[in-house]
Amino acid sequence: MIMKTYRETYIRKAEIAQLILLHQLYTQRGSRDLIFQGGTAIRWCYGGNRFSEDLDFVTPLDMDSIRASLKKAIQGAEKVMIPHFGIGTVQVSEKMSRSTALKCFVDFHPEKSREKISIKLEFEGLAAGKLPERQNHILSALPVVAYLITSGDFRIPRPHAVLVAETPEEILSDKVRSLLERRYLKGRDLFDVWYLRSIMKTAVHPETVKKKFGMYLAPFTPKRSIDFFAVSSEENKKMMIEAIEQDLSRFLPPETLDVHRNESFAGFLDAIRSLFTDLKEKGVLLS
């Protein structure tokens, strides 16, 4: 497998494009019902230091309402992208659509560059009456965003949109669900668990995890057990390290990845084992 590499110049452009889209989305009517989650929420709202390519949201809204808001947000974003990236056009392609979810790519094609700037957005429907715990964040007050405003890299009038993001505890419970039900392990999930547990000291709450299993309209279908992580065999550890190596090379600077590699990714593996051992001891079951 050919592993993609970390590209600093492209990543800076992609992150500015993310902020432009976030700002536009959260100035639309109904945006209080767009709940930001995942690795990019960690990056912007909770000081994360890895690049994350997706804007992930959960929502009680129907997907037709999402499409209407997204259309307006993209129209606004295109105008703002031109001062940042030069004259160009936005192209939107819907990649996956079902009644309970929406996935699309927003690509900006600068006229003077062959390389497009691509942002993936995913919206997942919440089950009726179920909402995760969330926090409000003023975009311009987030430390990383404030730095980009001061440096002149992020230039929009009144960048004070209020983002609605899951709490770290909720994001951690999402990571538990993802690790249990993804067909293939993703190194980014392992990194995010390490960041939430080891850097942010985020506690795991069994009731939050149990609720997460039934929170989405899409059913929870585990592909592996809690013991896969809590009582990890050498074979399972090897699988996790392979997932880290294959995935994280494009999300972390090489020198940062090398620090973890020189430790055989022990911090990541310890954080994962500790998390799932905690869940097992507190009686979390998958059925």
Foldseek 3Di string as FASTA:
>chain_A
DDFDAADVVLLLLLVLLVLLLQLLLLVDPPSLFWAWADDVCCVFVVVDDWRDQETETEGQDWVVVVVVSSVRSVVSSQVQVCVQQNDWDWDKDWDDDDRFKTKIKIWTDHPVDPDIRIGIYIYGYWDPPFDAAKDKDFRCPGVVNVVCVVVVNRDDPPSGRIHIYHDLQLNLLVLVLCCFAPPADALSSLVSLLCSCVVVVHDHDLVSNVCVQRTTPDHRDGPDFLCCQQVPDPVSLVSNLVNNVRHRNHTHHPVVVVVCVVVVVVSSSVSRNVRSNVNVVVPRDPD
